[in-house]
Amino acid sequence: MNTIILLTLTMVALGTGLPASEAGYILLNSASDFAVLGASTVTSTGNTVVNGNLGVFPGSAITGFGPGIVNGTTYFGGPVAQQAAIDGLNAYTVLGSEAIFQSLSGQNLGGLTLGPGVRYFSSSAQLTGVLVLDAQGDANARFDFQVGSTLTTASGSSVQLINGAQADNVNWQIGSSATIGSDTDFIGTILANQSITLNSGASLIGRAMALHGAVTMDNNYIIETATVPEPGNLLASTLAITALLVWKGVAKWRRKTKGV
């Protein structure tokens, strides 16, 4: 079932509207080129695949690649990662200052279908099941989430986009830390004040940016939205979808053979 969901959300992410690289750059500036950006450390266990740049600042420790793979540039500190960290923090501040459209405090995101707007959680946010984001035909529609403390997803949860919604227009501003559960198919740029953990088999179409802590990965597939092929490139789109599905199948097979 998750494979079907992943295929669907990947095809939607390859859809029409403002090109992903432009949409992300407007908010994130230089940080838009990063799929993963940590402050203290970035670590990976197993066969994580990162499509996009990977970096850390002010720390310099990145471990687990290989066996993990980075299809982009890796920055062990330095001025490029430093500027990305500055721009990521600026984006976090901008998102936190937006006017609230709807409070979802105390509600589970699972089972909801949401239109564009800024949603607010006074403390923690939980996703159990499927969250649907509906752009209502506007490919430039924004979906921004302000979460007071933690974001947590249950195993096997997912975010789905419909009616022109774009992955690059989904942003999660997290007051402390985010934990993406095993086999979750998540979408959007995660800007966490502290740390981000992606548990075994989770996939992310977007970005994982921990502004003052670590990014921890475990057999994950992350595709930064600026690396998503343009809508007209059918061959590249097909290859991107195939890569996601193959990785998902291999990751599950590895965990099954290890009894995980």
Foldseek 3Di string as FASTA:
>chain_A
DLLVQLLQQLLLQQDDDDQLLVLLCVLQPLLLQAQEEEEAEEEEADAEEEEGEYEYPPAQYYDPPDVYYYNYHYYRHDDSSVVSLVSLVSSLVVLVPDDFPEEPAPHAQAPEEDEATEYEYLAEYEHEAEHEYEPQQHLLGAHEYEHQAEYEYEAPHEYHYDNNYHLSRYEYNHNAEYEYYALYEYGHAYEHQEEYEYDQLYEYAAHDYHNHYYYYYYLYYTHRSNPQDHNVPVVSSVVVSVVVSVSSVVSVVVCVVVVD
